[in-house]
Each structure stands twice: as C-alpha cells, then as structure tokens.
Amino acid sequence: MGKIIQVQLGEYRPVFSFDLNQIDCQRGDMVILDSEDGSEFGKVVSDTRLPLSETGDKLKGKVVRRATEGDTRQIENNRMKAKDALQTCMRKITDQRLDMQMINAEYTFDSSKIIFFFTSEGRVDFRNLVKDLAKIFRVRIELKQIGVRDKAKIVCGYGICGREICCASYMKDFCPLSVKMAKEQGLPLNPSRISGVCGRIKCCMSYEFEVYKDLSKSLPKLGEKIVTPEGRGKVIEVNVFKKFAMVDLGEGRLLKMTYGKKDEK
C-alpha cells in the first residue's frame, strides 16, 4: 500500500487524507486531486505519512500531480469566477429575503460545482435559492452552513497577540474548548480576555492545558481552605511551575506552602 499525505481541500474546506500515489510533493505544495467528488485542488499540510495499512486513515482520494503553471492559472481563474458567483448569490438572497450571511464561495478545480459558505442563526430553507443558482451557473450548487469559528478561519485576521489567528494560519482542525481550560491556568474569566475574534474561547487555551492540569494535581485549588502546620487558612495564590501556594491564615498572616520542598513563611 502506498503512503499518504494530508491535504486541505480547496481553500476553505477541511483536511483529508489522500493516497500520495508515488507523486513527489512536500508540505506547502499545491496539488491536483482525484477525489470521490471529482477533480479537486488543495494544499499539502503534512509530511509523508506511514502506509495506509499502518494508520487506519480513511482516504478521500489520491494525488494526481503537483499543480503546474496551467493548473495555477485555472485555480486563479476559478477564484475570480467565485467572486462574481458570490455577488450573484448575495443578490438572490436579498431578493428572497433569506436570513443568511454569505461568507465566501469557491469552485472545484474542474468547475463542476460551486460551494457557497454562509452563516445563520437558525435553519434556512434555501431550496429555491439552489434552483435559481443552478439555472444561472449550470453547475452543481452546494450551500454549506458554517459556524463562527469556521467563519473566522475563512475571513482570517489577527489576534490580540499580534499574530495571524491560529485557525487560519496552521491549524488543521478545531479542538474542543471550555472555560475550565482558562480556570485551570489561572487566567481571568473575563470574556474579552479569553475570547478570540470569533467570539468563542481562544484556541490557544488548549495548548498548555494538559501541562497545567498535570502540574496542578499535587497542589491545592485557588480559594480552597486547607490545614497548614500553623493552622487553617485559605489559598489565595497558586504557582504551578514553582510548586507553591500562598495561604491566608487571617489577621494579616500569610504562609507560603511549597510542595516537595521545605515550607517557608
């Protein structure tokens, strides 16, 4: 069995595994693909991986070739056509008074299908819209409802850190996030501080979560009441890296409890 690589399908779609098909390509290369949905293009986002029999990955198709100059021109031409298609779709949405916000559109490599990405607060009956668009463009039409995180990935932007947002720059997929991750790392639970440009919890909350979770196992929780050699007190500060907790014993007395080292006042 040949080796496989991971490719981001099109410009805005998910990452899938493809049979490398003995094609010489590397991470970052644009490639032409023979997928289960037809002729597609995509960007290689992984190094060559193990044979399929050793990974258990489900294949989306196979790599046909690295994109040539002609292929690149066709992709760019499709990109321009998609912009016009997006404007047409937006006019139809206005005419039909549909509650949906168009985000972007893209053609497949062989121009046999246009995919329109949109957001909406609820379900939308867009059957008539699809019929109208199919009559205009005479190709298959797919309308794909996406969430706010997917929207941020497509639109792109910069985070409070000053860098391009992670989902648009290198992340292959979204990971589960929760407020617990911020809590475990002792971060302020202020929505404006822990939320990204999409309005959801920042993806970077998950990067060090497991490390903090593991290091804090032997430490008391912030706000917890514990018994110390000098009496009962309340934990007012925890430092997971230096392995200490500051305890308020009352009446202005503080005790620094170190774990694995000798206690200090």
C-alpha atoms as a PDB file:
ATOM      1  CA  MET A   1       0.000   0.000   0.000  1.00  0.00           C
ATOM      2  CA  GLY A   2       1.336   3.440  -0.915  1.00  0.00           C
ATOM      3  CA  LYS A   3       1.958   6.237   1.531  1.00  0.00           C
ATOM      4  CA  ILE A   4      -0.496   9.002   2.327  1.00  0.00           C
ATOM      5  CA  ILE A   5      -0.473  12.758   2.970  1.00  0.00           C
ATOM      6  CA  GLN A   6      -2.954  15.217   4.414  1.00  0.00           C
ATOM      7  CA  VAL A   7      -4.338  17.919   2.138  1.00  0.00           C
ATOM      8  CA  GLN A   8      -6.612  20.870   2.837  1.00  0.00           C
ATOM      9  CA  LEU A   9      -9.277  20.513   0.202  1.00  0.00           C
ATOM     10  CA  GLY A  10      -9.777  23.698  -1.816  1.00  0.00           C
ATOM     11  CA  GLU A  11      -9.129  26.912   0.086  1.00  0.00           C
ATOM     12  CA  TYR A  12     -11.700  26.786   2.861  1.00  0.00           C
ATOM     13  CA  ARG A  13     -12.618  23.146   3.367  1.00  0.00           C
ATOM     14  CA  PRO A  14     -11.397  20.553   5.898  1.00  0.00           C
ATOM     15  CA  VAL A  15      -8.197  18.495   5.838  1.00  0.00           C
ATOM     16  CA  PHE A  16      -8.443  14.966   4.428  1.00  0.00           C
ATOM     17  CA  SER A  17      -6.048  12.082   3.845  1.00  0.00           C
ATOM     18  CA  PHE A  18      -5.099  11.242   0.256  1.00  0.00           C
ATOM     19  CA  ASP A  19      -3.113   8.445  -1.348  1.00  0.00           C
ATOM     20  CA  LEU A  20       0.245  10.001  -2.308  1.00  0.00           C
ATOM     21  CA  ASN A  21       0.181   7.814  -5.437  1.00  0.00           C
ATOM     22  CA  GLN A  22       4.010   7.980  -5.717  1.00  0.00           C
ATOM     23  CA  ILE A  23       3.837  11.708  -6.539  1.00  0.00           C
ATOM     24  CA  ASP A  24       6.813  13.760  -5.349  1.00  0.00           C
ATOM     25  CA  CYS A  25       5.329  16.585  -3.269  1.00  0.00           C
ATOM     26  CA  GLN A  26       6.080  18.279   0.030  1.00  0.00           C
ATOM     27  CA  ARG A  27       4.330  20.244   2.735  1.00  0.00           C
ATOM     28  CA  GLY A  28       3.043  23.536   1.309  1.00  0.00           C
ATOM     29  CA  ASP A  29       2.757  22.301  -2.301  1.00  0.00           C
ATOM     30  CA  MET A  30      -0.455  22.838  -4.252  1.00  0.00           C
ATOM     31  CA  VAL A  31      -1.675  19.565  -5.755  1.00  0.00           C
ATOM     32  CA  ILE A  32      -4.397  18.331  -8.088  1.00  0.00           C
ATOM     33  CA  LEU A  33      -6.534  15.584  -6.606  1.00  0.00           C
ATOM     34  CA  ASP A  34      -8.817  12.831  -7.804  1.00  0.00           C
ATOM     35  CA  SER A  35     -11.380  12.790  -5.003  1.00  0.00           C
ATOM     36  CA  GLU A  36     -14.637  10.927  -4.505  1.00  0.00           C
ATOM     37  CA  ASP A  37     -16.417  14.166  -5.523  1.00  0.00           C
ATOM     38  CA  GLY A  38     -14.432  14.758  -8.750  1.00  0.00           C
ATOM     39  CA  SER A  39     -11.315  16.698  -9.727  1.00  0.00           C
ATOM     40  CA  GLU A  40     -10.184  18.960  -6.882  1.00  0.00           C
ATOM     41  CA  PHE A  41      -7.195  21.016  -5.797  1.00  0.00           C
ATOM     42  CA  GLY A  42      -5.665  21.512  -2.374  1.00  0.00           C
ATOM     43  CA  LYS A  43      -2.619  22.345  -0.304  1.00  0.00           C
ATOM     44  CA  VAL A  44      -0.403  19.700   1.318  1.00  0.00           C
ATOM     45  CA  VAL A  45      -0.402  20.293   5.095  1.00  0.00           C
ATOM     46  CA  SER A  46       1.610  17.304   6.317  1.00  0.00           C
ATOM     47  CA  ASP A  47       4.777  15.397   5.639  1.00  0.00           C
ATOM     48  CA  THR A  48       4.582  11.975   4.000  1.00  0.00           C
ATOM     49  CA  ARG A  49       2.953   9.616   6.449  1.00  0.00           C
ATOM     50  CA  LEU A  50       3.043   5.865   7.055  1.00  0.00           C
ATOM     51  CA  PRO A  51       1.344   3.393   4.698  1.00  0.00           C
ATOM     52  CA  LEU A  52      -2.442   3.350   4.968  1.00  0.00           C
ATOM     53  CA  SER A  53      -2.408  -0.144   6.489  1.00  0.00           C
ATOM     54  CA  GLU A  54      -0.457   1.223   9.486  1.00  0.00           C
ATOM     55  CA  THR A  55      -2.520   4.366  10.114  1.00  0.00           C
ATOM     56  CA  GLY A  56      -6.109   3.308   9.592  1.00  0.00           C
ATOM     57  CA  ASP A  57      -6.913   6.653   7.918  1.00  0.00           C
ATOM     58  CA  LYS A  58      -9.894   6.859   5.581  1.00  0.00           C
ATOM     59  CA  LEU A  59      -8.869   8.108   2.158  1.00  0.00           C
ATOM     60  CA  LYS A  60     -10.710  10.889   0.333  1.00  0.00           C
ATOM     61  CA  GLY A  61      -8.969  10.072  -2.960  1.00  0.00           C
ATOM     62  CA  LYS A  62      -5.500  10.234  -4.488  1.00  0.00           C
ATOM     63  CA  VAL A  63      -2.978  12.841  -5.614  1.00  0.00           C
ATOM     64  CA  VAL A  64      -2.821  13.190  -9.406  1.00  0.00           C
ATOM     65  CA  ARG A  65       0.083  15.644  -9.703  1.00  0.00           C
ATOM     66  CA  ARG A  66       1.714  18.730  -8.288  1.00  0.00           C
ATOM     67  CA  ALA A  67      -0.038  21.827  -9.602  1.00  0.00           C
ATOM     68  CA  THR A  68       1.535  23.104 -12.828  1.00  0.00           C
ATOM     69  CA  GLU A  69       1.568  26.719 -14.039  1.00  0.00           C
ATOM     70  CA  GLY A  70      -1.514  25.936 -16.093  1.00  0.00           C
ATOM     71  CA  ASP A  71      -3.251  24.480 -13.046  1.00  0.00           C
ATOM     72  CA  THR A  72      -2.380  27.562 -11.013  1.00  0.00           C
ATOM     73  CA  ARG A  73      -3.865  29.810 -13.683  1.00  0.00           C
ATOM     74  CA  GLN A  74      -7.051  27.743 -13.682  1.00  0.00           C
ATOM     75  CA  ILE A  75      -7.295  27.940  -9.880  1.00  0.00           C
ATOM     76  CA  GLU A  76      -6.878  31.720 -10.049  1.00  0.00           C
ATOM     77  CA  ASN A  77      -9.477  31.950 -12.809  1.00  0.00           C
ATOM     78  CA  ASN A  78     -11.886  29.892 -10.690  1.00  0.00           C
ATOM     79  CA  ARG A  79     -11.197  32.221  -7.780  1.00  0.00           C
ATOM     80  CA  MET A  80     -12.242  35.229  -9.865  1.00  0.00           C
ATOM     81  CA  LYS A  81     -15.377  33.446 -11.090  1.00  0.00           C
ATOM     82  CA  ALA A  82     -16.232  32.550  -7.484  1.00  0.00           C
ATOM     83  CA  LYS A  83     -16.193  36.252  -6.544  1.00  0.00           C
ATOM     84  CA  ASP A  84     -18.767  37.000  -9.255  1.00  0.00           C
ATOM     85  CA  ALA A  85     -20.826  33.986  -8.185  1.00  0.00           C
ATOM     86  CA  LEU A  86     -20.787  35.232  -4.596  1.00  0.00           C
ATOM     87  CA  GLN A  87     -22.178  38.618  -5.624  1.00  0.00           C
ATOM     88  CA  THR A  88     -24.936  36.937  -7.649  1.00  0.00           C
ATOM     89  CA  CYS A  89     -25.819  34.702  -4.720  1.00  0.00           C
ATOM     90  CA  MET A  90     -25.995  37.671  -2.333  1.00  0.00           C
ATOM     91  CA  ARG A  91     -28.423  39.463  -4.674  1.00  0.00           C
ATOM     92  CA  LYS A  92     -30.640  36.380  -4.806  1.00  0.00           C
ATOM     93  CA  ILE A  93     -30.602  36.124  -1.015  1.00  0.00           C
ATOM     94  CA  THR A  94     -31.738  39.742  -0.766  1.00  0.00           C
ATOM     95  CA  ASP A  95     -34.497  39.164  -3.347  1.00  0.00           C
ATOM     96  CA  GLN A  96     -35.754  36.102  -1.487  1.00  0.00           C
ATOM     97  CA  ARG A  97     -35.325  37.743   1.927  1.00  0.00           C
ATOM     98  CA  LEU A  98     -33.436  34.810   3.377  1.00  0.00           C
ATOM     99  CA  ASP A  99     -31.890  35.119   6.831  1.00  0.00           C
ATOM    100  CA  MET A 100     -28.360  34.103   5.947  1.00  0.00           C
ATOM    101  CA  GLN A 101     -24.990  35.834   5.630  1.00  0.00           C
ATOM    102  CA  MET A 102     -22.739  34.759   2.788  1.00  0.00           C
ATOM    103  CA  ILE A 103     -19.083  34.386   3.754  1.00  0.00           C
ATOM    104  CA  ASN A 104     -17.354  33.124   0.620  1.00  0.00           C
ATOM    105  CA  ALA A 105     -17.580  30.817  -2.377  1.00  0.00           C
ATOM    106  CA  GLU A 106     -15.267  28.562  -4.327  1.00  0.00           C
ATOM    107  CA  TYR A 107     -15.307  26.406  -7.445  1.00  0.00           C
ATOM    108  CA  THR A 108     -13.942  22.893  -7.539  1.00  0.00           C
ATOM    109  CA  PHE A 109     -10.888  22.541  -9.790  1.00  0.00           C
ATOM    110  CA  ASP A 110     -12.884  21.221 -12.749  1.00  0.00           C
ATOM    111  CA  SER A 111     -15.558  23.936 -12.264  1.00  0.00           C
ATOM    112  CA  SER A 112     -18.255  21.269 -11.949  1.00  0.00           C
ATOM    113  CA  LYS A 113     -19.513  22.611  -8.613  1.00  0.00           C
ATOM    114  CA  ILE A 114     -19.690  25.872  -6.660  1.00  0.00           C
ATOM    115  CA  ILE A 115     -19.656  25.748  -2.877  1.00  0.00           C
ATOM    116  CA  PHE A 116     -21.182  28.712  -1.035  1.00  0.00           C
ATOM    117  CA  PHE A 117     -20.319  29.161   2.655  1.00  0.00           C
ATOM    118  CA  PHE A 118     -22.791  31.007   4.871  1.00  0.00           C
ATOM    119  CA  THR A 119     -23.735  31.608   8.499  1.00  0.00           C
ATOM    120  CA  SER A 120     -27.188  31.837  10.011  1.00  0.00           C
ATOM    121  CA  GLU A 121     -28.674  31.798  13.497  1.00  0.00           C
ATOM    122  CA  GLY A 122     -31.125  29.066  12.543  1.00  0.00           C
ATOM    123  CA  ARG A 123     -32.111  26.671   9.792  1.00  0.00           C
ATOM    124  CA  VAL A 124     -32.722  28.176   6.364  1.00  0.00           C
ATOM    125  CA  ASP A 125     -34.912  26.794   3.600  1.00  0.00           C
ATOM    126  CA  PHE A 126     -32.701  27.591   0.607  1.00  0.00           C
ATOM    127  CA  ARG A 127     -34.151  25.122  -1.891  1.00  0.00           C
ATOM    128  CA  ASN A 128     -35.450  27.836  -4.206  1.00  0.00           C
ATOM    129  CA  LEU A 129     -32.110  29.641  -3.960  1.00  0.00           C
ATOM    130  CA  VAL A 130     -30.281  26.492  -5.075  1.00  0.00           C
ATOM    131  CA  LYS A 131     -32.645  26.086  -8.040  1.00  0.00           C
ATOM    132  CA  ASP A 132     -32.104  29.690  -9.123  1.00  0.00           C
ATOM    133  CA  LEU A 133     -28.318  29.433  -8.832  1.00  0.00           C
ATOM    134  CA  ALA A 134     -28.260  26.134 -10.731  1.00  0.00           C
ATOM    135  CA  LYS A 135     -30.194  27.759 -13.611  1.00  0.00           C
ATOM    136  CA  ILE A 136     -27.751  30.676 -13.719  1.00  0.00           C
ATOM    137  CA  PHE A 137     -24.436  28.800 -13.469  1.00  0.00           C
ATOM    138  CA  ARG A 138     -25.476  25.393 -14.855  1.00  0.00           C
ATOM    139  CA  VAL A 139     -23.258  23.515 -12.430  1.00  0.00           C
ATOM    140  CA  ARG A 140     -23.865  21.673  -9.162  1.00  0.00           C
ATOM    141  CA  ILE A 141     -24.568  24.001  -6.243  1.00  0.00           C
ATOM    142  CA  GLU A 142     -23.709  23.314  -2.615  1.00  0.00           C
ATOM    143  CA  LEU A 143     -24.669  25.688   0.201  1.00  0.00           C
ATOM    144  CA  LYS A 144     -22.716  24.941   3.351  1.00  0.00           C
ATOM    145  CA  GLN A 145     -23.769  26.422   6.692  1.00  0.00           C
ATOM    146  CA  ILE A 146     -20.757  27.050   8.934  1.00  0.00           C
ATOM    147  CA  GLY A 147     -20.195  28.236  12.495  1.00  0.00           C
ATOM    148  CA  VAL A 148     -18.458  31.376  13.768  1.00  0.00           C
ATOM    149  CA  ARG A 149     -15.136  29.562  14.215  1.00  0.00           C
ATOM    150  CA  ASP A 150     -15.217  28.376  10.597  1.00  0.00           C
ATOM    151  CA  LYS A 151     -16.110  31.917   9.546  1.00  0.00           C
ATOM    152  CA  ALA A 152     -13.025  33.286  11.331  1.00  0.00           C
ATOM    153  CA  LYS A 153     -10.872  30.657   9.603  1.00  0.00           C
ATOM    154  CA  ILE A 154     -12.159  31.741   6.173  1.00  0.00           C
ATOM    155  CA  VAL A 155     -12.154  35.512   6.743  1.00  0.00           C
ATOM    156  CA  CYS A 156      -8.814  35.409   8.614  1.00  0.00           C
ATOM    157  CA  GLY A 157      -7.496  38.193  10.867  1.00  0.00           C
ATOM    158  CA  TYR A 158      -5.111  38.882  13.736  1.00  0.00           C
ATOM    159  CA  GLY A 159      -5.418  38.004  17.399  1.00  0.00           C
ATOM    160  CA  ILE A 160      -4.616  40.116  20.437  1.00  0.00           C
ATOM    161  CA  CYS A 161      -1.133  38.544  20.347  1.00  0.00           C
ATOM    162  CA  GLY A 162      -0.454  40.363  17.068  1.00  0.00           C
ATOM    163  CA  ARG A 163      -0.123  37.145  15.063  1.00  0.00           C
ATOM    164  CA  GLU A 164      -2.415  35.755  12.384  1.00  0.00           C
ATOM    165  CA  ILE A 165      -5.175  33.760  14.077  1.00  0.00           C
ATOM    166  CA  CYS A 166      -4.184  30.128  14.586  1.00  0.00           C
ATOM    167  CA  CYS A 167      -7.149  28.570  12.794  1.00  0.00           C
ATOM    168  CA  ALA A 168      -6.333  30.476   9.584  1.00  0.00           C
ATOM    169  CA  SER A 169      -2.569  30.012   9.688  1.00  0.00           C
ATOM    170  CA  TYR A 170      -1.695  26.426  10.600  1.00  0.00           C
ATOM    171  CA  MET A 171      -4.422  24.535  12.477  1.00  0.00           C
ATOM    172  CA  LYS A 172      -5.796  21.549  10.586  1.00  0.00           C
ATOM    173  CA  ASP A 173      -8.916  21.188  12.706  1.00  0.00           C
ATOM    174  CA  PHE A 174     -10.644  22.723  15.709  1.00  0.00           C
ATOM    175  CA  CYS A 175     -10.215  21.194  19.162  1.00  0.00           C
ATOM    176  CA  PRO A 176     -12.826  21.104  21.955  1.00  0.00           C
ATOM    177  CA  LEU A 177     -12.602  24.163  24.247  1.00  0.00           C
ATOM    178  CA  SER A 178     -14.094  25.063  27.632  1.00  0.00           C
ATOM    179  CA  VAL A 179     -13.884  27.742  30.315  1.00  0.00           C
ATOM    180  CA  LYS A 180     -12.291  25.078  32.526  1.00  0.00           C
ATOM    181  CA  MET A 181      -9.106  25.411  30.488  1.00  0.00           C
ATOM    182  CA  ALA A 182      -8.774  29.087  31.418  1.00  0.00           C
ATOM    183  CA  LYS A 183      -9.647  28.314  35.043  1.00  0.00           C
ATOM    184  CA  GLU A 184      -7.005  25.597  35.295  1.00  0.00           C
ATOM    185  CA  GLN A 185      -4.345  28.037  34.028  1.00  0.00           C
ATOM    186  CA  GLY A 186      -5.352  30.744  36.498  1.00  0.00           C
ATOM    187  CA  LEU A 187      -6.468  33.143  33.794  1.00  0.00           C
ATOM    188  CA  PRO A 188      -9.067  35.873  34.443  1.00  0.00           C
ATOM    189  CA  LEU A 189     -12.520  34.651  33.400  1.00  0.00           C
ATOM    190  CA  ASN A 190     -13.250  37.865  31.561  1.00  0.00           C
ATOM    191  CA  PRO A 191     -14.903  37.062  28.183  1.00  0.00           C
ATOM    192  CA  SER A 192     -12.971  39.852  26.458  1.00  0.00           C
ATOM    193  CA  ARG A 193      -9.669  38.375  27.705  1.00  0.00           C
ATOM    194  CA  ILE A 194     -10.244  34.704  26.895  1.00  0.00           C
ATOM    195  CA  SER A 195     -12.290  35.047  23.682  1.00  0.00           C
ATOM    196  CA  GLY A 196     -10.859  35.175  20.173  1.00  0.00           C
ATOM    197  CA  VAL A 197     -12.006  37.242  17.202  1.00  0.00           C
ATOM    198  CA  CYS A 198     -14.741  34.660  16.562  1.00  0.00           C
ATOM    199  CA  GLY A 199     -16.290  35.335  19.974  1.00  0.00           C
ATOM    200  CA  ARG A 200     -15.501  31.821  21.225  1.00  0.00           C
ATOM    201  CA  ILE A 201     -12.777  30.782  23.669  1.00  0.00           C
ATOM    202  CA  LYS A 202      -9.323  31.212  22.153  1.00  0.00           C
ATOM    203  CA  CYS A 203      -7.853  28.088  20.586  1.00  0.00           C
ATOM    204  CA  CYS A 204      -4.567  28.778  22.399  1.00  0.00           C
ATOM    205  CA  MET A 205      -6.337  27.995  25.712  1.00  0.00           C
ATOM    206  CA  SER A 206      -5.839  24.316  24.843  1.00  0.00           C
ATOM    207  CA  TYR A 207      -2.103  24.469  24.079  1.00  0.00           C
ATOM    208  CA  GLU A 208      -0.822  24.238  27.676  1.00  0.00           C
ATOM    209  CA  PHE A 209      -3.955  22.948  29.373  1.00  0.00           C
ATOM    210  CA  GLU A 210      -2.700  19.384  29.837  1.00  0.00           C
ATOM    211  CA  VAL A 211       0.615  20.647  31.289  1.00  0.00           C
ATOM    212  CA  TYR A 212      -1.151  22.857  33.826  1.00  0.00           C
ATOM    213  CA  LYS A 213      -3.582  20.062  34.621  1.00  0.00           C
ATOM    214  CA  ASP A 214      -0.763  17.602  35.303  1.00  0.00           C
ATOM    215  CA  LEU A 215       1.384  20.024  37.351  1.00  0.00           C
ATOM    216  CA  SER A 216      -1.530  21.168  39.498  1.00  0.00           C
ATOM    217  CA  LYS A 217      -2.523  17.655  40.628  1.00  0.00           C
ATOM    218  CA  SER A 218      -0.419  17.893  43.799  1.00  0.00           C
ATOM    219  CA  LEU A 219      -1.413  21.498  44.557  1.00  0.00           C
ATOM    220  CA  PRO A 220      -4.488  22.893  46.340  1.00  0.00           C
ATOM    221  CA  LYS A 221      -7.058  24.857  44.392  1.00  0.00           C
ATOM    222  CA  LEU A 222      -7.314  28.634  44.467  1.00  0.00           C
ATOM    223  CA  GLY A 223      -9.838  29.605  47.151  1.00  0.00           C
ATOM    224  CA  GLU A 224      -9.656  26.208  48.853  1.00  0.00           C
ATOM    225  CA  LYS A 225      -9.477  26.068  52.667  1.00  0.00           C
ATOM    226  CA  ILE A 226      -6.638  23.859  53.867  1.00  0.00           C
ATOM    227  CA  VAL A 227      -4.941  22.877  57.117  1.00  0.00           C
ATOM    228  CA  THR A 228      -1.333  24.034  57.481  1.00  0.00           C
ATOM    229  CA  PRO A 229       1.243  23.468  60.256  1.00  0.00           C
ATOM    230  CA  GLU A 230       0.275  26.924  61.553  1.00  0.00           C
ATOM    231  CA  GLY A 231      -3.467  26.467  61.386  1.00  0.00           C
ATOM    232  CA  ARG A 232      -6.339  26.569  58.932  1.00  0.00           C
ATOM    233  CA  GLY A 233      -6.243  29.061  56.063  1.00  0.00           C
ATOM    234  CA  LYS A 234      -7.471  29.952  52.603  1.00  0.00           C
ATOM    235  CA  VAL A 235      -5.396  29.549  49.431  1.00  0.00           C
ATOM    236  CA  ILE A 236      -5.075  32.970  47.767  1.00  0.00           C
ATOM    237  CA  GLU A 237      -2.358  32.216  45.205  1.00  0.00           C
ATOM    238  CA  VAL A 238      -1.096  29.119  43.381  1.00  0.00           C
ATOM    239  CA  ASN A 239       2.031  28.862  41.237  1.00  0.00           C
ATOM    240  CA  VAL A 240       2.021  25.557  39.371  1.00  0.00           C
ATOM    241  CA  PHE A 241       5.553  25.924  37.960  1.00  0.00           C
ATOM    242  CA  LYS A 242       7.289  26.874  41.217  1.00  0.00           C
ATOM    243  CA  LYS A 243       5.078  24.428  43.109  1.00  0.00           C
ATOM    244  CA  PHE A 244       3.881  26.686  45.895  1.00  0.00           C
ATOM    245  CA  ALA A 245       0.622  28.025  47.310  1.00  0.00           C
ATOM    246  CA  MET A 246       0.186  31.192  49.355  1.00  0.00           C
ATOM    247  CA  VAL A 247      -2.216  30.710  52.269  1.00  0.00           C
ATOM    248  CA  ASP A 248      -4.028  33.462  54.182  1.00  0.00           C
ATOM    249  CA  LEU A 249      -4.166  32.430  57.864  1.00  0.00           C
ATOM    250  CA  GLY A 250      -6.125  35.528  58.864  1.00  0.00           C
ATOM    251  CA  GLU A 251      -5.104  38.570  60.921  1.00  0.00           C
ATOM    252  CA  GLY A 252      -2.609  39.567  58.234  1.00  0.00           C
ATOM    253  CA  ARG A 253      -0.633  36.309  58.479  1.00  0.00           C
ATOM    254  CA  LEU A 254       0.474  34.646  55.230  1.00  0.00           C
ATOM    255  CA  LEU A 255       2.145  31.288  54.805  1.00  0.00           C
ATOM    256  CA  LYS A 256       3.940  30.105  51.683  1.00  0.00           C
ATOM    257  CA  MET A 257       3.368  26.367  51.315  1.00  0.00           C
ATOM    258  CA  THR A 258       5.856  24.685  48.990  1.00  0.00           C
ATOM    259  CA  TYR A 259       5.290  21.156  47.722  1.00  0.00           C
ATOM    260  CA  GLY A 260       8.288  18.863  47.547  1.00  0.00           C
ATOM    261  CA  LYS A 261      10.398  21.475  49.406  1.00  0.00           C
ATOM    262  CA  LYS A 262      10.620  22.837  52.928  1.00  0.00           C
ATOM    263  CA  ASP A 263       7.807  25.247  53.868  1.00  0.00           C
ATOM    264  CA  GLU A 264       8.653  28.945  54.180  1.00  0.00           C
ATOM    265  CA  LYS A 265       6.944  31.894  55.859  1.00  0.00           C
END
